[in-house]
PDB file of N, CA and C in Angstrom:
ATOM      1  N   MET A   1       0.841  -1.186   0.000  1.00  0.00           N
ATOM      2  CA  MET A   1       0.000   0.000   0.000  1.00  0.00           C
ATOM      3  C   MET A   1       0.882   1.243   0.000  1.00  0.00           C
ATOM      4  N   ILE A   2       0.729   2.121  -0.967  1.00  0.00           N
ATOM      5  CA  ILE A   2       1.502   3.350  -1.044  1.00  0.00           C
ATOM      6  C   ILE A   2       0.660   4.476  -0.465  1.00  0.00           C
ATOM      7  N   ILE A   3       1.257   5.206   0.461  1.00  0.00           N
ATOM      8  CA  ILE A   3       0.565   6.321   1.076  1.00  0.00           C
ATOM      9  C   ILE A   3       1.233   7.599   0.611  1.00  0.00           C
ATOM     10  N   LEU A   4       0.530   8.392  -0.185  1.00  0.00           N
ATOM     11  CA  LEU A   4       1.122   9.594  -0.738  1.00  0.00           C
ATOM     12  C   LEU A   4       1.213  10.716   0.286  1.00  0.00           C
ATOM     13  N   ASP A   5       0.266  10.817   1.171  1.00  0.00           N
ATOM     14  CA  ASP A   5       0.299  11.874   2.172  1.00  0.00           C
ATOM     15  C   ASP A   5      -0.011  11.269   3.530  1.00  0.00           C
ATOM     16  N   ILE A   6       1.042  10.901   4.220  1.00  0.00           N
ATOM     17  CA  ILE A   6       0.893  10.226   5.508  1.00  0.00           C
ATOM     18  C   ILE A   6       0.183  11.108   6.533  1.00  0.00           C
ATOM     19  N   THR A   7       0.392  12.417   6.466  1.00  0.00           N
ATOM     20  CA  THR A   7      -0.256  13.284   7.461  1.00  0.00           C
ATOM     21  C   THR A   7      -1.770  13.268   7.318  1.00  0.00           C
ATOM     22  N   ASN A   8      -2.273  13.233   6.092  1.00  0.00           N
ATOM     23  CA  ASN A   8      -3.730  13.151   5.914  1.00  0.00           C
ATOM     24  C   ASN A   8      -4.266  11.833   6.435  1.00  0.00           C
ATOM     25  N   THR A   9      -3.518  10.757   6.229  1.00  0.00           N
ATOM     26  CA  THR A   9      -3.925   9.448   6.737  1.00  0.00           C
ATOM     27  C   THR A   9      -3.946   9.459   8.269  1.00  0.00           C
ATOM     28  N   ILE A  10      -2.930  10.043   8.869  1.00  0.00           N
ATOM     29  CA  ILE A  10      -2.876  10.145  10.330  1.00  0.00           C
ATOM     30  C   ILE A  10      -4.054  10.969  10.846  1.00  0.00           C
ATOM     31  N   LYS A  11      -4.279  12.113  10.238  1.00  0.00           N
ATOM     32  CA  LYS A  11      -5.378  12.992  10.676  1.00  0.00           C
ATOM     33  C   LYS A  11      -6.729  12.285  10.556  1.00  0.00           C
ATOM     34  N   GLN A  12      -6.937  11.570   9.465  1.00  0.00           N
ATOM     35  CA  GLN A  12      -8.197  10.850   9.266  1.00  0.00           C
ATOM     36  C   GLN A  12      -8.386   9.793  10.360  1.00  0.00           C
ATOM     37  N   ASN A  13      -7.315   9.086  10.692  1.00  0.00           N
ATOM     38  CA  ASN A  13      -7.394   8.077  11.745  1.00  0.00           C
ATOM     39  C   ASN A  13      -7.643   8.707  13.115  1.00  0.00           C
ATOM     40  N   ILE A  14      -7.076   9.859  13.368  1.00  0.00           N
ATOM     41  CA  ILE A  14      -7.312  10.550  14.649  1.00  0.00           C
ATOM     42  C   ILE A  14      -8.785  10.917  14.763  1.00  0.00           C
ATOM     43  N   VAL A  15      -9.320  11.517  13.716  1.00  0.00           N
ATOM     44  CA  VAL A  15     -10.714  11.961  13.722  1.00  0.00           C
ATOM     45  C   VAL A  15     -11.675  10.789  13.917  1.00  0.00           C
ATOM     46  N   THR A  16     -11.341   9.630  13.368  1.00  0.00           N
ATOM     47  CA  THR A  16     -12.231   8.472  13.479  1.00  0.00           C
ATOM     48  C   THR A  16     -11.927   7.603  14.701  1.00  0.00           C
ATOM     49  N   GLY A  17     -10.998   8.058  15.536  1.00  0.00           N
ATOM     50  CA  GLY A  17     -10.701   7.339  16.775  1.00  0.00           C
ATOM     51  C   GLY A  17      -9.848   6.099  16.611  1.00  0.00           C
ATOM     52  N   LYS A  18      -9.160   5.988  15.496  1.00  0.00           N
ATOM     53  CA  LYS A  18      -8.314   4.817  15.242  1.00  0.00           C
ATOM     54  C   LYS A  18      -6.861   5.150  15.572  1.00  0.00           C
ATOM     55  N   TRP A  19      -6.572   5.238  16.848  1.00  0.00           N
ATOM     56  CA  TRP A  19      -5.225   5.574  17.298  1.00  0.00           C
ATOM     57  C   TRP A  19      -4.975   4.952  18.657  1.00  0.00           C
ATOM     58  N   TRP A  20      -3.708   4.766  18.971  1.00  0.00           N
ATOM     59  CA  TRP A  20      -3.312   4.335  20.300  1.00  0.00           C
ATOM     60  C   TRP A  20      -1.855   4.701  20.541  1.00  0.00           C
ATOM     61  N   PHE A  21      -1.471   4.673  21.796  1.00  0.00           N
ATOM     62  CA  PHE A  21      -0.116   5.016  22.225  1.00  0.00           C
ATOM     63  C   PHE A  21       0.618   3.755  22.671  1.00  0.00           C
ATOM     64  N   THR A  22       1.894   3.661  22.322  1.00  0.00           N
ATOM     65  CA  THR A  22       2.714   2.593  22.884  1.00  0.00           C
ATOM     66  C   THR A  22       2.947   2.926  24.359  1.00  0.00           C
ATOM     67  N   SER A  23       3.338   1.936  25.133  1.00  0.00           N
ATOM     68  CA  SER A  23       3.645   2.213  26.545  1.00  0.00           C
ATOM     69  C   SER A  23       4.814   3.187  26.635  1.00  0.00           C
ATOM     70  N   HIS A  24       5.749   3.102  25.698  1.00  0.00           N
ATOM     71  CA  HIS A  24       6.877   4.043  25.669  1.00  0.00           C
ATOM     72  C   HIS A  24       6.371   5.476  25.471  1.00  0.00           C
ATOM     73  N   ALA A  25       5.458   5.671  24.529  1.00  0.00           N
ATOM     74  CA  ALA A  25       4.918   7.007  24.265  1.00  0.00           C
ATOM     75  C   ALA A  25       4.180   7.550  25.484  1.00  0.00           C
ATOM     76  N   LEU A  26       3.405   6.715  26.142  1.00  0.00           N
ATOM     77  CA  LEU A  26       2.696   7.155  27.355  1.00  0.00           C
ATOM     78  C   LEU A  26       3.687   7.569  28.438  1.00  0.00           C
ATOM     79  N   GLN A  27       4.726   6.772  28.611  1.00  0.00           N
ATOM     80  CA  GLN A  27       5.747   7.078  29.614  1.00  0.00           C
ATOM     81  C   GLN A  27       6.454   8.393  29.297  1.00  0.00           C
ATOM     82  N   LYS A  28       6.839   8.600  28.039  1.00  0.00           N
ATOM     83  CA  LYS A  28       7.546   9.819  27.656  1.00  0.00           C
ATOM     84  C   LYS A  28       6.649  11.054  27.782  1.00  0.00           C
ATOM     85  N   CYS A  29       5.388  10.928  27.413  1.00  0.00           N
ATOM     86  CA  CYS A  29       4.456  12.061  27.583  1.00  0.00           C
ATOM     87  C   CYS A  29       4.328  12.416  29.060  1.00  0.00           C
ATOM     88  N   ASP A  30       4.238  11.420  29.910  1.00  0.00           N
ATOM     89  CA  ASP A  30       4.136  11.646  31.340  1.00  0.00           C
ATOM     90  C   ASP A  30       5.402  12.319  31.869  1.00  0.00           C
ATOM     91  N   GLN A  31       6.567  11.801  31.498  1.00  0.00           N
ATOM     92  CA  GLN A  31       7.837  12.370  31.955  1.00  0.00           C
ATOM     93  C   GLN A  31       8.024  13.806  31.495  1.00  0.00           C
ATOM     94  N   ARG A  32       7.541  14.117  30.318  1.00  0.00           N
ATOM     95  CA  ARG A  32       7.755  15.440  29.720  1.00  0.00           C
ATOM     96  C   ARG A  32       6.565  16.374  29.909  1.00  0.00           C
ATOM     97  N   ASN A  33       5.590  15.931  30.675  1.00  0.00           N
ATOM     98  CA  ASN A  33       4.386  16.730  30.940  1.00  0.00           C
ATOM     99  C   ASN A  33       3.682  17.167  29.657  1.00  0.00           C
ATOM    100  N   ILE A  34       3.568  16.244  28.721  1.00  0.00           N
ATOM    101  CA  ILE A  34       2.823  16.495  27.487  1.00  0.00           C
ATOM    102  C   ILE A  34       1.424  15.917  27.677  1.00  0.00           C
ATOM    103  N   ASP A  35       0.438  16.782  27.639  1.00  0.00           N
ATOM    104  CA  ASP A  35      -0.949  16.371  27.826  1.00  0.00           C
ATOM    105  C   ASP A  35      -1.402  15.551  26.618  1.00  0.00           C
ATOM    106  N   ILE A  36      -1.736  14.296  26.838  1.00  0.00           N
ATOM    107  CA  ILE A  36      -2.090  13.383  25.748  1.00  0.00           C
ATOM    108  C   ILE A  36      -3.338  13.838  25.000  1.00  0.00           C
ATOM    109  N   GLU A  37      -4.350  14.273  25.724  1.00  0.00           N
ATOM    110  CA  GLU A  37      -5.578  14.729  25.053  1.00  0.00           C
ATOM    111  C   GLU A  37      -5.302  15.930  24.158  1.00  0.00           C
ATOM    112  N   LYS A  38      -4.504  16.863  24.644  1.00  0.00           N
ATOM    113  CA  LYS A  38      -4.171  18.040  23.835  1.00  0.00           C
ATOM    114  C   LYS A  38      -3.295  17.655  22.647  1.00  0.00           C
ATOM    115  N   LEU A  39      -2.410  16.679  22.844  1.00  0.00           N
ATOM    116  CA  LEU A  39      -1.588  16.206  21.735  1.00  0.00           C
ATOM    117  C   LEU A  39      -2.470  15.601  20.651  1.00  0.00           C
ATOM    118  N   ILE A  40      -3.402  14.760  21.043  1.00  0.00           N
ATOM    119  CA  ILE A  40      -4.326  14.147  20.078  1.00  0.00           C
ATOM    120  C   ILE A  40      -5.085  15.231  19.307  1.00  0.00           C
ATOM    121  N   MET A  41      -5.605  16.216  20.018  1.00  0.00           N
ATOM    122  CA  MET A  41      -6.376  17.278  19.358  1.00  0.00           C
ATOM    123  C   MET A  41      -5.491  18.116  18.437  1.00  0.00           C
ATOM    124  N   SER A  42      -4.218  18.274  18.780  1.00  0.00           N
ATOM    125  CA  SER A  42      -3.333  19.109  17.966  1.00  0.00           C
ATOM    126  C   SER A  42      -2.903  18.417  16.672  1.00  0.00           C
ATOM    127  N   VAL A  43      -3.030  17.111  16.605  1.00  0.00           N
ATOM    128  CA  VAL A  43      -2.579  16.375  15.420  1.00  0.00           C
ATOM    129  C   VAL A  43      -3.354  16.775  14.168  1.00  0.00           C
ATOM    130  N   VAL A  44      -4.583  17.212  14.317  1.00  0.00           N
ATOM    131  CA  VAL A  44      -5.352  17.609  13.128  1.00  0.00           C
ATOM    132  C   VAL A  44      -4.736  18.827  12.431  1.00  0.00           C
ATOM    133  N   GLN A  45      -3.846  19.537  13.119  1.00  0.00           N
ATOM    134  CA  GLN A  45      -3.132  20.665  12.524  1.00  0.00           C
ATOM    135  C   GLN A  45      -1.649  20.348  12.321  1.00  0.00           C
ATOM    136  N   ALA A  46      -1.287  19.082  12.400  1.00  0.00           N
ATOM    137  CA  ALA A  46       0.122  18.665  12.366  1.00  0.00           C
ATOM    138  C   ALA A  46       0.787  18.952  11.022  1.00  0.00           C
ATOM    139  N   GLU A  47       2.103  19.077  11.111  1.00  0.00           N
ATOM    140  CA  GLU A  47       2.937  19.316   9.939  1.00  0.00           C
ATOM    141  C   GLU A  47       3.983  18.196   9.860  1.00  0.00           C
ATOM    142  N   LEU A  48       4.163  17.651   8.690  1.00  0.00           N
ATOM    143  CA  LEU A  48       5.146  16.597   8.484  1.00  0.00           C
ATOM    144  C   LEU A  48       6.554  17.194   8.532  1.00  0.00           C
ATOM    145  N   ILE A  49       7.421  16.601   9.361  1.00  0.00           N
ATOM    146  CA  ILE A  49       8.821  17.034   9.448  1.00  0.00           C
ATOM    147  C   ILE A  49       9.718  16.031   8.717  1.00  0.00           C
ATOM    148  N   GLU A  50       9.538  14.749   8.986  1.00  0.00           N
ATOM    149  CA  GLU A  50      10.323  13.710   8.332  1.00  0.00           C
ATOM    150  C   GLU A  50       9.422  12.512   8.049  1.00  0.00           C
ATOM    151  N   ASP A  51       9.605  11.908   6.887  1.00  0.00           N
ATOM    152  CA  ASP A  51       8.814  10.750   6.477  1.00  0.00           C
ATOM    153  C   ASP A  51       9.745   9.551   6.384  1.00  0.00           C
ATOM    154  N   TYR A  52       9.425   8.494   7.123  1.00  0.00           N
ATOM    155  CA  TYR A  52      10.269   7.303   7.169  1.00  0.00           C
ATOM    156  C   TYR A  52       9.577   6.164   6.413  1.00  0.00           C
ATOM    157  N   THR A  53       9.607   6.255   5.093  1.00  0.00           N
ATOM    158  CA  THR A  53       8.918   5.262   4.260  1.00  0.00           C
ATOM    159  C   THR A  53       9.600   3.902   4.299  1.00  0.00           C
ATOM    160  N   ASP A  54      10.898   3.879   4.604  1.00  0.00           N
ATOM    161  CA  ASP A  54      11.649   2.623   4.590  1.00  0.00           C
ATOM    162  C   ASP A  54      11.864   2.035   5.979  1.00  0.00           C
ATOM    163  N   ASP A  55      11.129   2.498   6.969  1.00  0.00           N
ATOM    164  CA  ASP A  55      11.261   1.952   8.319  1.00  0.00           C
ATOM    165  C   ASP A  55      10.904   0.468   8.276  1.00  0.00           C
ATOM    166  N   PRO A  56      11.805  -0.407   8.743  1.00  0.00           N
ATOM    167  CA  PRO A  56      11.523  -1.849   8.676  1.00  0.00           C
ATOM    168  C   PRO A  56      10.291  -2.277   9.482  1.00  0.00           C
ATOM    169  N   ARG A  57       9.866  -1.443  10.435  1.00  0.00           N
ATOM    170  CA  ARG A  57       8.672  -1.770  11.234  1.00  0.00           C
ATOM    171  C   ARG A  57       7.391  -1.301  10.562  1.00  0.00           C
ATOM    172  N   GLY A  58       7.528  -0.556   9.462  1.00  0.00           N
ATOM    173  CA  GLY A  58       6.359  -0.025   8.758  1.00  0.00           C
ATOM    174  C   GLY A  58       6.480   1.481   8.588  1.00  0.00           C
ATOM    175  N   HIS A  59       5.691   2.013   7.700  1.00  0.00           N
ATOM    176  CA  HIS A  59       5.719   3.444   7.390  1.00  0.00           C
ATOM    177  C   HIS A  59       5.458   4.258   8.657  1.00  0.00           C
ATOM    178  N   SER A  60       6.340   5.199   8.926  1.00  0.00           N
ATOM    179  CA  SER A  60       6.177   6.084  10.075  1.00  0.00           C
ATOM    180  C   SER A  60       6.674   7.471   9.699  1.00  0.00           C
ATOM    181  N   CYS A  61       6.495   8.411  10.608  1.00  0.00           N
ATOM    182  CA  CYS A  61       6.924   9.770  10.321  1.00  0.00           C
ATOM    183  C   CYS A  61       7.082  10.562  11.617  1.00  0.00           C
ATOM    184  N   LEU A  62       7.733  11.699  11.482  1.00  0.00           N
ATOM    185  CA  LEU A  62       7.874  12.661  12.570  1.00  0.00           C
ATOM    186  C   LEU A  62       6.981  13.842  12.228  1.00  0.00           C
ATOM    187  N   ILE A  63       6.073  14.173  13.131  1.00  0.00           N
ATOM    188  CA  ILE A  63       5.177  15.308  12.892  1.00  0.00           C
ATOM    189  C   ILE A  63       5.384  16.368  13.958  1.00  0.00           C
ATOM    190  N   LEU A  64       5.087  17.591  13.569  1.00  0.00           N
ATOM    191  CA  LEU A  64       5.160  18.734  14.472  1.00  0.00           C
ATOM    192  C   LEU A  64       3.755  19.160  14.841  1.00  0.00           C
ATOM    193  N   CYS A  65       3.507  19.247  16.141  1.00  0.00           N
ATOM    194  CA  CYS A  65       2.226  19.716  16.665  1.00  0.00           C
ATOM    195  C   CYS A  65       2.523  20.857  17.638  1.00  0.00           C
ATOM    196  N   PHE A  66       1.503  21.582  17.997  1.00  0.00           N
ATOM    197  CA  PHE A  66       1.654  22.602  19.026  1.00  0.00           C
ATOM    198  C   PHE A  66       0.650  22.317  20.138  1.00  0.00           C
ATOM    199  N   VAL A  67       1.186  22.092  21.335  1.00  0.00           N
ATOM    200  CA  VAL A  67       0.379  21.822  22.517  1.00  0.00           C
ATOM    201  C   VAL A  67       0.601  22.970  23.485  1.00  0.00           C
ATOM    202  N   ASP A  68      -0.463  23.681  23.815  1.00  0.00           N
ATOM    203  CA  ASP A  68      -0.355  24.870  24.670  1.00  0.00           C
ATOM    204  C   ASP A  68       0.701  25.833  24.129  1.00  0.00           C
ATOM    205  N   SER A  69       0.686  26.043  22.825  1.00  0.00           N
ATOM    206  CA  SER A  69       1.591  26.947  22.109  1.00  0.00           C
ATOM    207  C   SER A  69       3.049  26.519  22.141  1.00  0.00           C
ATOM    208  N   LYS A  70       3.322  25.299  22.551  1.00  0.00           N
ATOM    209  CA  LYS A  70       4.686  24.793  22.590  1.00  0.00           C
ATOM    210  C   LYS A  70       4.844  23.692  21.544  1.00  0.00           C
ATOM    211  N   ALA A  71       5.951  23.755  20.774  1.00  0.00           N
ATOM    212  CA  ALA A  71       6.209  22.764  19.739  1.00  0.00           C
ATOM    213  C   ALA A  71       6.442  21.393  20.362  1.00  0.00           C
ATOM    214  N   VAL A  72       5.791  20.387  19.785  1.00  0.00           N
ATOM    215  CA  VAL A  72       5.964  18.996  20.216  1.00  0.00           C
ATOM    216  C   VAL A  72       6.164  18.150  18.964  1.00  0.00           C
ATOM    217  N   HIS A  73       7.171  17.297  19.019  1.00  0.00           N
ATOM    218  CA  HIS A  73       7.370  16.307  17.958  1.00  0.00           C
ATOM    219  C   HIS A  73       6.764  14.987  18.411  1.00  0.00           C
ATOM    220  N   SER A  74       6.130  14.308  17.478  1.00  0.00           N
ATOM    221  CA  SER A  74       5.627  12.972  17.759  1.00  0.00           C
ATOM    222  C   SER A  74       5.997  12.069  16.600  1.00  0.00           C
ATOM    223  N   VAL A  75       6.524  10.908  16.925  1.00  0.00           N
ATOM    224  CA  VAL A  75       6.779   9.893  15.912  1.00  0.00           C
ATOM    225  C   VAL A  75       5.549   8.991  15.893  1.00  0.00           C
ATOM    226  N   CYS A  76       4.966   8.870  14.715  1.00  0.00           N
ATOM    227  CA  CYS A  76       3.751   8.077  14.539  1.00  0.00           C
ATOM    228  C   CYS A  76       3.978   7.028  13.458  1.00  0.00           C
ATOM    229  N   GLY A  77       3.407   5.869  13.661  1.00  0.00           N
ATOM    230  CA  GLY A  77       3.480   4.809  12.672  1.00  0.00           C
ATOM    231  C   GLY A  77       2.101   4.449  12.182  1.00  0.00           C
ATOM    232  N   LEU A  78       2.051   3.935  10.976  1.00  0.00           N
ATOM    233  CA  LEU A  78       0.779   3.481  10.424  1.00  0.00           C
ATOM    234  C   LEU A  78       0.662   1.980  10.620  1.00  0.00           C
ATOM    235  N   HIS A  79      -0.523   1.581  10.977  1.00  0.00           N
ATOM    236  CA  HIS A  79      -0.833   0.176  11.197  1.00  0.00           C
ATOM    237  C   HIS A  79      -2.162  -0.069  10.507  1.00  0.00           C
ATOM    238  N   GLU A  80      -2.448  -1.302  10.195  1.00  0.00           N
ATOM    239  CA  GLU A  80      -3.721  -1.589   9.501  1.00  0.00           C
ATOM    240  C   GLU A  80      -4.935  -1.150  10.310  1.00  0.00           C
ATOM    241  N   ASN A  81      -4.766  -1.004  11.635  1.00  0.00           N
ATOM    242  CA  ASN A  81      -5.884  -0.589  12.495  1.00  0.00           C
ATOM    243  C   ASN A  81      -5.852   0.879  12.880  1.00  0.00           C
ATOM    244  N   GLY A  82      -4.910   1.645  12.330  1.00  0.00           N
ATOM    245  CA  GLY A  82      -4.869   3.067  12.651  1.00  0.00           C
ATOM    246  C   GLY A  82      -3.466   3.595  12.838  1.00  0.00           C
ATOM    247  N   VAL A  83      -3.351   4.564  13.740  1.00  0.00           N
ATOM    248  CA  VAL A  83      -2.092   5.263  13.998  1.00  0.00           C
ATOM    249  C   VAL A  83      -1.554   4.874  15.359  1.00  0.00           C
ATOM    250  N   ILE A  84      -0.254   4.629  15.402  1.00  0.00           N
ATOM    251  CA  ILE A  84       0.423   4.301  16.650  1.00  0.00           C
ATOM    252  C   ILE A  84       1.332   5.477  17.009  1.00  0.00           C
ATOM    253  N   PHE A  85       1.157   6.022  18.193  1.00  0.00           N
ATOM    254  CA  PHE A  85       2.075   7.041  18.697  1.00  0.00           C
ATOM    255  C   PHE A  85       3.240   6.304  19.346  1.00  0.00           C
ATOM    256  N   ILE A  86       4.430   6.507  18.805  1.00  0.00           N
ATOM    257  CA  ILE A  86       5.616   5.794  19.262  1.00  0.00           C
ATOM    258  C   ILE A  86       6.348   6.562  20.350  1.00  0.00           C
ATOM    259  N   THR A  87       6.446   7.874  20.187  1.00  0.00           N
ATOM    260  CA  THR A  87       7.042   8.731  21.207  1.00  0.00           C
ATOM    261  C   THR A  87       6.613  10.166  20.964  1.00  0.00           C
ATOM    262  N   ALA A  88       6.900  11.017  21.929  1.00  0.00           N
ATOM    263  CA  ALA A  88       6.636  12.451  21.802  1.00  0.00           C
ATOM    264  C   ALA A  88       7.671  13.180  22.654  1.00  0.00           C
ATOM    265  N   TYR A  89       8.120  14.323  22.136  1.00  0.00           N
ATOM    266  CA  TYR A  89       9.139  15.091  22.858  1.00  0.00           C
ATOM    267  C   TYR A  89       9.132  16.536  22.379  1.00  0.00           C
ATOM    268  N   TYR A  90       9.798  17.384  23.137  1.00  0.00           N
ATOM    269  CA  TYR A  90       9.989  18.779  22.744  1.00  0.00           C
ATOM    270  C   TYR A  90      11.271  18.867  21.922  1.00  0.00           C
ATOM    271  N   PRO A  91      11.220  19.437  20.724  1.00  0.00           N
ATOM    272  CA  PRO A  91      12.430  19.567  19.906  1.00  0.00           C
ATOM    273  C   PRO A  91      13.337  20.656  20.490  1.00  0.00           C
ATOM    274  N   GLU A  92      14.457  20.233  21.040  1.00  0.00           N
ATOM    275  CA  GLU A  92      15.335  21.176  21.737  1.00  0.00           C
ATOM    276  C   GLU A  92      16.778  20.986  21.298  1.00  0.00           C
ATOM    277  N   PRO A  93      17.586  22.028  21.490  1.00  0.00           N
ATOM    278  CA  PRO A  93      19.025  21.881  21.244  1.00  0.00           C
ATOM    279  C   PRO A  93      19.581  20.827  22.200  1.00  0.00           C
ATOM    280  N   PRO A  94      20.605  20.151  21.855  1.00  0.00           N
ATOM    281  CA  PRO A  94      21.458  20.391  20.685  1.00  0.00           C
ATOM    282  C   PRO A  94      20.993  19.683  19.421  1.00  0.00           C
ATOM    283  N   LYS A  95      19.998  18.802  19.522  1.00  0.00           N
ATOM    284  CA  LYS A  95      19.561  18.047  18.346  1.00  0.00           C
ATOM    285  C   LYS A  95      18.827  18.896  17.313  1.00  0.00           C
ATOM    286  N   TRP A  96      18.125  19.911  17.766  1.00  0.00           N
ATOM    287  CA  TRP A  96      17.278  20.713  16.884  1.00  0.00           C
ATOM    288  C   TRP A  96      17.676  22.178  16.945  1.00  0.00           C
ATOM    289  N   LEU A  97      17.771  22.806  15.760  1.00  0.00           N
ATOM    290  CA  LEU A  97      18.028  24.243  15.687  1.00  0.00           C
ATOM    291  C   LEU A  97      16.754  25.012  16.020  1.00  0.00           C
ATOM    292  N   ASP A  98      15.645  24.510  15.511  1.00  0.00           N
ATOM    293  CA  ASP A  98      14.316  25.026  15.825  1.00  0.00           C
ATOM    294  C   ASP A  98      13.351  23.857  15.644  1.00  0.00           C
ATOM    295  N   GLU A  99      12.051  24.107  15.766  1.00  0.00           N
ATOM    296  CA  GLU A  99      11.103  22.986  15.726  1.00  0.00           C
ATOM    297  C   GLU A  99      11.019  22.283  14.373  1.00  0.00           C
ATOM    298  N   ARG A 100      11.558  22.883  13.330  1.00  0.00           N
ATOM    299  CA  ARG A 100      11.486  22.278  12.000  1.00  0.00           C
ATOM    300  C   ARG A 100      12.846  21.859  11.434  1.00  0.00           C
ATOM    301  N   THR A 101      13.938  22.209  12.099  1.00  0.00           N
ATOM    302  CA  THR A 101      15.267  22.004  11.535  1.00  0.00           C
ATOM    303  C   THR A 101      16.163  21.186  12.452  1.00  0.00           C
ATOM    304  N   ARG A 102      16.516  19.998  11.965  1.00  0.00           N
ATOM    305  CA  ARG A 102      17.438  19.136  12.703  1.00  0.00           C
ATOM    306  C   ARG A 102      18.860  19.641  12.487  1.00  0.00           C
ATOM    307  N   ARG A 103      19.648  19.672  13.555  1.00  0.00           N
ATOM    308  CA  ARG A 103      21.047  20.078  13.444  1.00  0.00           C
ATOM    309  C   ARG A 103      21.793  19.015  12.659  1.00  0.00           C
ATOM    310  N   SER A 104      22.636  19.455  11.730  1.00  0.00           N
ATOM    311  CA  SER A 104      23.411  18.483  10.946  1.00  0.00           C
ATOM    312  C   SER A 104      24.427  17.799  11.844  1.00  0.00           C
ATOM    313  N   SER A 105      24.754  16.564  11.524  1.00  0.00           N
ATOM    314  CA  SER A 105      25.683  15.790  12.348  1.00  0.00           C
ATOM    315  C   SER A 105      27.071  15.790  11.735  1.00  0.00           C
ATOM    316  N   GLU A 106      27.642  16.958  11.636  1.00  0.00           N
ATOM    317  CA  GLU A 106      28.959  17.133  10.996  1.00  0.00           C
ATOM    318  C   GLU A 106      30.037  16.427  11.759  1.00  0.00           C
TER     319      GLU A 106
END
């Protein structure tokens, strides 16, 4: 199955309630004080940052959302039953120059 726009597929699954979090994602959201309900609601406005079409576990991507006006990255995977939230974090230095730009690994 080829997915031309993974973000639209993710958004459609969110709206229809076809999503779940891995235990890792739940733990990281808790540790980082990321409100899960607000994260879910923010996904409908998400922006694709990186698309991992060749992920051996299945098509996944990194999306940018804003929760309480703060940038949040979430790695999401596609599954036949919907969207899996793999992790979520705040994009911060030194890994990120800003919420959309990964620092090069020179």
